[in-house]
C-alpha atoms as a PDB file:
ATOM      1  CA  MET A   1      15.580  56.277 127.740  1.00  0.00           C
ATOM      2  CA  LYS A   2      14.866  55.074 124.226  1.00  0.00           C
ATOM      3  CA  LYS A   3      16.395  58.312 122.877  1.00  0.00           C
ATOM      4  CA  ILE A   4      19.510  57.956 125.022  1.00  0.00           C
ATOM      5  CA  ILE A   5      20.378  54.386 123.890  1.00  0.00           C
ATOM      6  CA  PRO A   6      20.746  55.281 120.157  1.00  0.00           C
ATOM      7  CA  LEU A   7      22.790  58.357 121.134  1.00  0.00           C
ATOM      8  CA  VAL A   8      25.177  56.277 123.273  1.00  0.00           C
ATOM      9  CA  LEU A   9      25.562  53.730 120.460  1.00  0.00           C
ATOM     10  CA  ALA A  10      26.287  56.483 117.941  1.00  0.00           C
ATOM     11  CA  LEU A  11      28.955  58.034 120.193  1.00  0.00           C
ATOM     12  CA  SER A  12      30.534  54.641 120.769  1.00  0.00           C
ATOM     13  CA  MET A  13      30.732  53.980 117.033  1.00  0.00           C
ATOM     14  CA  LEU A  14      32.252  57.426 116.450  1.00  0.00           C
ATOM     15  CA  LEU A  15      34.928  56.874 119.111  1.00  0.00           C
ATOM     16  CA  LEU A  16      35.820  53.452 117.749  1.00  0.00           C
ATOM     17  CA  THR A  17      36.070  54.782 114.200  1.00  0.00           C
ATOM     18  CA  GLY A  18      38.217  57.698 115.366  1.00  0.00           C
ATOM     19  CA  CYS A  19      40.625  55.390 117.204  1.00  0.00           C
ATOM     20  CA  GLU A  20      41.095  53.266 114.111  1.00  0.00           C
ATOM     21  CA  GLN A  21      41.893  56.331 112.023  1.00  0.00           C
ATOM     22  CA  VAL A  22      44.423  57.674 114.539  1.00  0.00           C
ATOM     23  CA  SER A  23      46.177  54.288 114.786  1.00  0.00           C
ATOM     24  CA  ASP A  24      46.389  54.184 110.981  1.00  0.00           C
ATOM     25  CA  LEU A  25      48.142  57.564 110.979  1.00  0.00           C
ATOM     26  CA  ILE A  26      50.655  56.499 113.634  1.00  0.00           C
ATOM     27  CA  LYS A  27      51.571  53.214 111.945  1.00  0.00           C
ATOM     28  CA  PRO A  28      54.258  53.806 109.268  1.00  0.00           C
ATOM     29  CA  LYS A  29      53.338  52.886 105.754  1.00  0.00           C
ATOM     30  CA  GLU A  30      55.190  50.003 104.107  1.00  0.00           C
ATOM     31  CA  SER A  31      56.419  52.239 101.271  1.00  0.00           C
ATOM     32  CA  GLU A  32      58.011  54.659 103.776  1.00  0.00           C
ATOM     33  CA  GLU A  33      59.726  51.747 105.528  1.00  0.00           C
ATOM     34  CA  GLU A  34      61.104  50.551 102.195  1.00  0.00           C
ATOM     35  CA  ILE A  35      62.413  54.045 101.331  1.00  0.00           C
ATOM     36  CA  ALA A  36      64.112  54.411 104.739  1.00  0.00           C
ATOM     37  CA  THR A  37      65.716  50.985 104.360  1.00  0.00           C
ATOM     38  CA  SER A  38      66.998  51.698 100.835  1.00  0.00           C
ATOM     39  CA  ILE A  39      68.490  55.056 101.932  1.00  0.00           C
ATOM     40  CA  SER A  40      70.362  53.456 104.842  1.00  0.00           C
ATOM     41  CA  GLU A  41      71.654  50.676 102.564  1.00  0.00           C
ATOM     42  CA  GLU A  42      72.926  53.218 100.014  1.00  0.00           C
ATOM     43  CA  THR A  43      74.693  55.190 102.774  1.00  0.00           C
ATOM     44  CA  GLU A  44      76.387  52.021 104.042  1.00  0.00           C
ATOM     45  CA  LYS A  45      77.529  51.147 100.506  1.00  0.00           C
ATOM     46  CA  GLU A  46      78.988  54.659 100.000  1.00  0.00           C
ATOM     47  CA  GLU A  47      80.887  54.431 103.305  1.00  0.00           C
ATOM     48  CA  GLU A  48      82.246  50.998 102.371  1.00  0.00           C
ATOM     49  CA  THR A  49      83.382  52.327  98.969  1.00  0.00           C
ATOM     50  CA  GLU A  50      85.238  55.218 100.613  1.00  0.00           C
ATOM     51  CA  LEU A  51      86.969  52.898 103.084  1.00  0.00           C
ATOM     52  CA  GLU A  52      87.941  50.339 100.452  1.00  0.00           C
ATOM     53  CA  GLU A  53      89.682  52.798  98.093  1.00  0.00           C
ATOM     54  CA  PRO A  54      92.973  51.073  97.247  1.00  0.00           C
ATOM     55  CA  LYS A  55      96.346  52.760  97.683  1.00  0.00           C
ATOM     56  CA  THR A  56      98.933  52.796  94.891  1.00  0.00           C
ATOM     57  CA  LYS A  57     101.900  50.511  95.610  1.00  0.00           C
ATOM     58  CA  ILE A  58     105.296  51.125  94.004  1.00  0.00           C
ATOM     59  CA  VAL A  59     107.421  48.010  93.613  1.00  0.00           C
ATOM     60  CA  LEU A  60     111.160  47.703  93.018  1.00  0.00           C
ATOM     61  CA  SER A  61     112.159  48.136  89.361  1.00  0.00           C
ATOM     62  CA  LYS A  62     115.386  47.485  87.456  1.00  0.00           C
ATOM     63  CA  ILE A  63     114.787  50.691  85.453  1.00  0.00           C
ATOM     64  CA  LEU A  64     115.180  54.240  86.742  1.00  0.00           C
ATOM     65  CA  ASN A  65     112.793  56.709  85.063  1.00  0.00           C
ATOM     66  CA  MET A  66     115.397  59.289  84.055  1.00  0.00           C
ATOM     67  CA  ARG A  67     118.310  59.824  81.668  1.00  0.00           C
ATOM     68  CA  ASN A  68     121.938  60.665  82.350  1.00  0.00           C
ATOM     69  CA  GLU A  69     121.657  64.201  80.933  1.00  0.00           C
ATOM     70  CA  TRP A  70     118.850  65.140  83.310  1.00  0.00           C
ATOM     71  CA  THR A  71     119.524  67.730  86.027  1.00  0.00           C
ATOM     72  CA  ILE A  72     119.579  66.440  89.590  1.00  0.00           C
ATOM     73  CA  MET A  73     117.636  68.811  91.835  1.00  0.00           C
ATOM     74  CA  GLY A  74     117.902  66.865  95.070  1.00  0.00           C
ATOM     75  CA  ASP A  75     119.994  63.942  96.326  1.00  0.00           C
ATOM     76  CA  TYR A  76     119.785  62.591  99.873  1.00  0.00           C
ATOM     77  CA  SER A  77     120.969  59.334 101.489  1.00  0.00           C
ATOM     78  CA  ILE A  78     119.010  57.557 104.224  1.00  0.00           C
ATOM     79  CA  ALA A  79     118.190  53.960 105.192  1.00  0.00           C
ATOM     80  CA  LEU A  80     114.595  53.398 104.083  1.00  0.00           C
ATOM     81  CA  THR A  81     114.246  49.800 102.912  1.00  0.00           C
ATOM     82  CA  LYS A  82     114.693  46.542 104.794  1.00  0.00           C
ATOM     83  CA  SER A  83     118.171  46.007 103.345  1.00  0.00           C
ATOM     84  CA  GLY A  84     119.424  48.191 106.189  1.00  0.00           C
ATOM     85  CA  LYS A  85     121.806  50.004 103.846  1.00  0.00           C
ATOM     86  CA  LYS A  86     121.549  53.671 102.949  1.00  0.00           C
ATOM     87  CA  ASP A  87     119.320  54.396  99.948  1.00  0.00           C
ATOM     88  CA  ARG A  88     119.360  57.496  97.732  1.00  0.00           C
ATOM     89  CA  VAL A  89     116.300  59.725  97.438  1.00  0.00           C
ATOM     90  CA  LEU A  90     116.740  61.376  94.051  1.00  0.00           C
ATOM     91  CA  LEU A  91     114.755  64.209  92.465  1.00  0.00           C
ATOM     92  CA  ALA A  92     115.629  65.087  88.856  1.00  0.00           C
ATOM     93  CA  THR A  93     114.200  66.938  85.870  1.00  0.00           C
ATOM     94  CA  SER A  94     114.698  66.829  82.115  1.00  0.00           C
ATOM     95  CA  ALA A  95     115.253  70.629  82.084  1.00  0.00           C
ATOM     96  CA  ARG A  96     118.906  71.523  81.538  1.00  0.00           C
ATOM     97  CA  ALA A  97     121.181  73.918  83.405  1.00  0.00           C
ATOM     98  CA  VAL A  98     123.102  76.255  81.048  1.00  0.00           C
ATOM     99  CA  ASN A  99     125.645  78.823  82.289  1.00  0.00           C
ATOM    100  CA  GLY A 100     124.319  78.615  85.841  1.00  0.00           C
ATOM    101  CA  GLU A 101     120.677  79.126  84.849  1.00  0.00           C
ATOM    102  CA  MET A 102     117.842  76.628  84.483  1.00  0.00           C
ATOM    103  CA  GLN A 103     116.465  76.426  80.947  1.00  0.00           C
ATOM    104  CA  TRP A 104     112.796  75.686  81.519  1.00  0.00           C
ATOM    105  CA  ASP A 105     110.726  74.432  78.581  1.00  0.00           C
ATOM    106  CA  ASP A 106     106.961  74.766  78.222  1.00  0.00           C
ATOM    107  CA  SER A 107     106.922  71.513  80.179  1.00  0.00           C
ATOM    108  CA  GLN A 108     109.499  69.034  81.461  1.00  0.00           C
ATOM    109  CA  TYR A 109     109.684  65.585  82.969  1.00  0.00           C
ATOM    110  CA  TRP A 110     110.191  65.152  86.701  1.00  0.00           C
ATOM    111  CA  THR A 111     111.132  62.012  88.569  1.00  0.00           C
ATOM    112  CA  LEU A 112     111.376  61.192  92.253  1.00  0.00           C
ATOM    113  CA  ALA A 113     112.916  57.829  93.039  1.00  0.00           C
ATOM    114  CA  VAL A 114     114.512  55.799  95.812  1.00  0.00           C
ATOM    115  CA  LEU A 115     117.682  54.085  94.557  1.00  0.00           C
ATOM    116  CA  THR A 116     118.913  50.886  96.208  1.00  0.00           C
ATOM    117  CA  ASP A 117     121.602  48.309  95.407  1.00  0.00           C
ATOM    118  CA  GLU A 118     118.891  46.146  93.829  1.00  0.00           C
ATOM    119  CA  GLY A 119     117.138  48.769  91.686  1.00  0.00           C
ATOM    120  CA  ALA A 120     114.827  51.770  91.993  1.00  0.00           C
ATOM    121  CA  TYR A 121     111.414  52.599  93.403  1.00  0.00           C
ATOM    122  CA  ASN A 122     110.016  55.128  90.917  1.00  0.00           C
ATOM    123  CA  LEU A 123     107.729  57.041  93.241  1.00  0.00           C
ATOM    124  CA  PHE A 124     106.788  59.966  91.002  1.00  0.00           C
ATOM    125  CA  TYR A 125     107.221  60.385  87.248  1.00  0.00           C
ATOM    126  CA  GLN A 126     105.321  63.059  85.373  1.00  0.00           C
ATOM    127  CA  ARG A 127     105.621  65.693  82.681  1.00  0.00           C
ATOM    128  CA  LEU A 128     104.210  69.025  83.734  1.00  0.00           C
ATOM    129  CA  GLN A 129     104.489  72.758  83.215  1.00  0.00           C
ATOM    130  CA  GLY A 130     105.868  73.721  86.583  1.00  0.00           C
ATOM    131  CA  VAL A 131     108.143  72.477  89.352  1.00  0.00           C
ATOM    132  CA  VAL A 132     108.362  69.601  91.833  1.00  0.00           C
ATOM    133  CA  TYR A 133     109.761  69.684  95.373  1.00  0.00           C
ATOM    134  CA  ALA A 134     110.487  66.782  97.709  1.00  0.00           C
ATOM    135  CA  GLU A 135     110.979  66.283 101.436  1.00  0.00           C
ATOM    136  CA  VAL A 136     112.148  63.403 103.609  1.00  0.00           C
ATOM    137  CA  ASN A 137     110.374  63.582 106.958  1.00  0.00           C
ATOM    138  CA  GLU A 138     110.222  61.445 110.077  1.00  0.00           C
ATOM    139  CA  ALA A 139     106.631  60.978 111.157  1.00  0.00           C
ATOM    140  CA  TYR A 140     105.579  59.306 114.396  1.00  0.00           C
ATOM    141  CA  ILE A 141     102.936  56.752 113.405  1.00  0.00           C
ATOM    142  CA  HIS A 142     101.518  54.769 116.335  1.00  0.00           C
ATOM    143  CA  GLY A 143     104.516  55.900 118.381  1.00  0.00           C
ATOM    144  CA  ILE A 144     107.077  54.635 115.860  1.00  0.00           C
ATOM    145  CA  ALA A 145     109.407  56.994 113.980  1.00  0.00           C
ATOM    146  CA  THR A 146     108.644  56.317 110.310  1.00  0.00           C
ATOM    147  CA  PRO A 147     110.372  57.935 107.297  1.00  0.00           C
ATOM    148  CA  VAL A 148     107.884  59.623 104.974  1.00  0.00           C
ATOM    149  CA  ILE A 149     108.794  61.041 101.566  1.00  0.00           C
ATOM    150  CA  THR A 150     106.564  63.914 100.492  1.00  0.00           C
ATOM    151  CA  VAL A 151     106.354  65.286  96.952  1.00  0.00           C
ATOM    152  CA  TYR A 152     104.867  68.668  96.012  1.00  0.00           C
ATOM    153  CA  ALA A 153     103.986  69.054  92.333  1.00  0.00           C
ATOM    154  CA  PHE A 154     103.116  72.596  91.252  1.00  0.00           C
ATOM    155  CA  SER A 155     101.982  73.098  87.675  1.00  0.00           C
ATOM    156  CA  GLY A 156     100.308  76.018  85.979  1.00  0.00           C
ATOM    157  CA  THR A 157      96.916  74.364  86.293  1.00  0.00           C
ATOM    158  CA  ASP A 158      97.127  72.057  89.305  1.00  0.00           C
ATOM    159  CA  ARG A 159      98.588  71.381  92.756  1.00  0.00           C
ATOM    160  CA  ASP A 160      99.368  67.896  94.015  1.00  0.00           C
ATOM    161  CA  ILE A 161     100.794  66.687  97.360  1.00  0.00           C
ATOM    162  CA  ARG A 162     101.551  63.005  97.989  1.00  0.00           C
ATOM    163  CA  ASN A 163     103.197  60.951 100.734  1.00  0.00           C
ATOM    164  CA  TYR A 164     105.205  57.766 100.214  1.00  0.00           C
ATOM    165  CA  ILE A 165     105.727  55.338 103.111  1.00  0.00           C
ATOM    166  CA  TYR A 166     107.744  52.130 102.877  1.00  0.00           C
ATOM    167  CA  ASP A 167     105.933  48.886 103.778  1.00  0.00           C
ATOM    168  CA  TYR A 168     108.483  46.422 105.216  1.00  0.00           C
ATOM    169  CA  ASP A 169     106.184  43.404 104.930  1.00  0.00           C
ATOM    170  CA  GLU A 170     105.410  43.846 101.220  1.00  0.00           C
ATOM    171  CA  ASP A 171     108.690  45.589 100.259  1.00  0.00           C
ATOM    172  CA  VAL A 172     106.804  48.389  98.487  1.00  0.00           C
ATOM    173  CA  PHE A 173     106.256  52.109  98.868  1.00  0.00           C
ATOM    174  CA  VAL A 174     102.616  53.033  99.453  1.00  0.00           C
ATOM    175  CA  GLU A 175     101.393  56.268  97.876  1.00  0.00           C
ATOM    176  CA  ASP A 176      98.862  58.434  99.692  1.00  0.00           C
ATOM    177  CA  GLN A 177      97.495  61.512  97.917  1.00  0.00           C
ATOM    178  CA  ILE A 178      97.180  64.192 100.574  1.00  0.00           C
ATOM    179  CA  PHE A 179      95.842  67.044  98.456  1.00  0.00           C
ATOM    180  CA  THR A 180      94.933  67.841  94.884  1.00  0.00           C
ATOM    181  CA  THR A 181      93.155  70.853  93.417  1.00  0.00           C
ATOM    182  CA  ARG A 182      91.192  68.466  91.182  1.00  0.00           C
ATOM    183  CA  THR A 183      88.827  67.895  94.109  1.00  0.00           C
ATOM    184  CA  PHE A 184      87.427  71.414  93.809  1.00  0.00           C
ATOM    185  CA  SER A 185      88.540  72.729  90.405  1.00  0.00           C
ATOM    186  CA  THR A 186      87.191  70.914  87.356  1.00  0.00           C
ATOM    187  CA  GLY A 187      88.821  73.358  84.935  1.00  0.00           C
ATOM    188  CA  GLY A 188      92.233  73.653  86.568  1.00  0.00           C
ATOM    189  CA  ILE A 189      93.673  76.683  88.351  1.00  0.00           C
ATOM    190  CA  ASN A 190      95.727  79.664  87.266  1.00  0.00           C
ATOM    191  CA  THR A 191      98.464  80.675  89.715  1.00  0.00           C
ATOM    192  CA  ILE A 192      98.916  84.441  89.829  1.00  0.00           C
ATOM    193  CA  TYR A 193     101.299  84.648  92.824  1.00  0.00           C
ATOM    194  CA  SER A 194     103.460  82.216  94.812  1.00  0.00           C
ATOM    195  CA  THR A 195     106.227  82.500  97.416  1.00  0.00           C
ATOM    196  CA  PHE A 196     107.807  79.149  96.508  1.00  0.00           C
ATOM    197  CA  PRO A 197     111.478  79.738  95.622  1.00  0.00           C
ATOM    198  CA  GLU A 198     112.868  79.271  92.125  1.00  0.00           C
ATOM    199  CA  TYR A 199     115.301  76.446  91.543  1.00  0.00           C
ATOM    200  CA  LYS A 200     118.947  77.243  91.040  1.00  0.00           C
ATOM    201  CA  PRO A 201     121.347  74.731  89.433  1.00  0.00           C
ATOM    202  CA  ARG A 202     123.308  72.663  91.947  1.00  0.00           C
END
């Protein structure tokens, strides 16, 4: 009996000690909790930054970003602004047409603008080695037919697609960059083949 009592006490102590060690393993350490918290906070901040990225707004200007000798590549009339009157969507380039052929330089200026009775919304203005195309589309946004102007800029080292939608409340065009090769090509691209048609003078 005397031998059994110390043995029972020893087993009891061992079980109690073991339980404490297991509970210590299950309980998360404070440092791990801090790391998990900091990671979740960083993720939330990154998501907020992505959501809060501001859009470019183009306001009405008294100046049109082009000169009289520029070549008009596209000219279309449609009611876009809240004036209710028809506006002109104009695409032009500084490259000249000579004897029915376009005289392309190493690079030329391109402009895409919406002309109104009050002035111009200069949507796109850039010098590049390449060509620019434009479309006027009708997109159904929340069930409402909304005019959307899309510009395609193709240079020797980059591709850029942007949408422009008129905001009636602020009287501005809002730019939304749909695609750019800069997101995956840090050194530019080199186009070796394309099916896009060549421009012919109007």
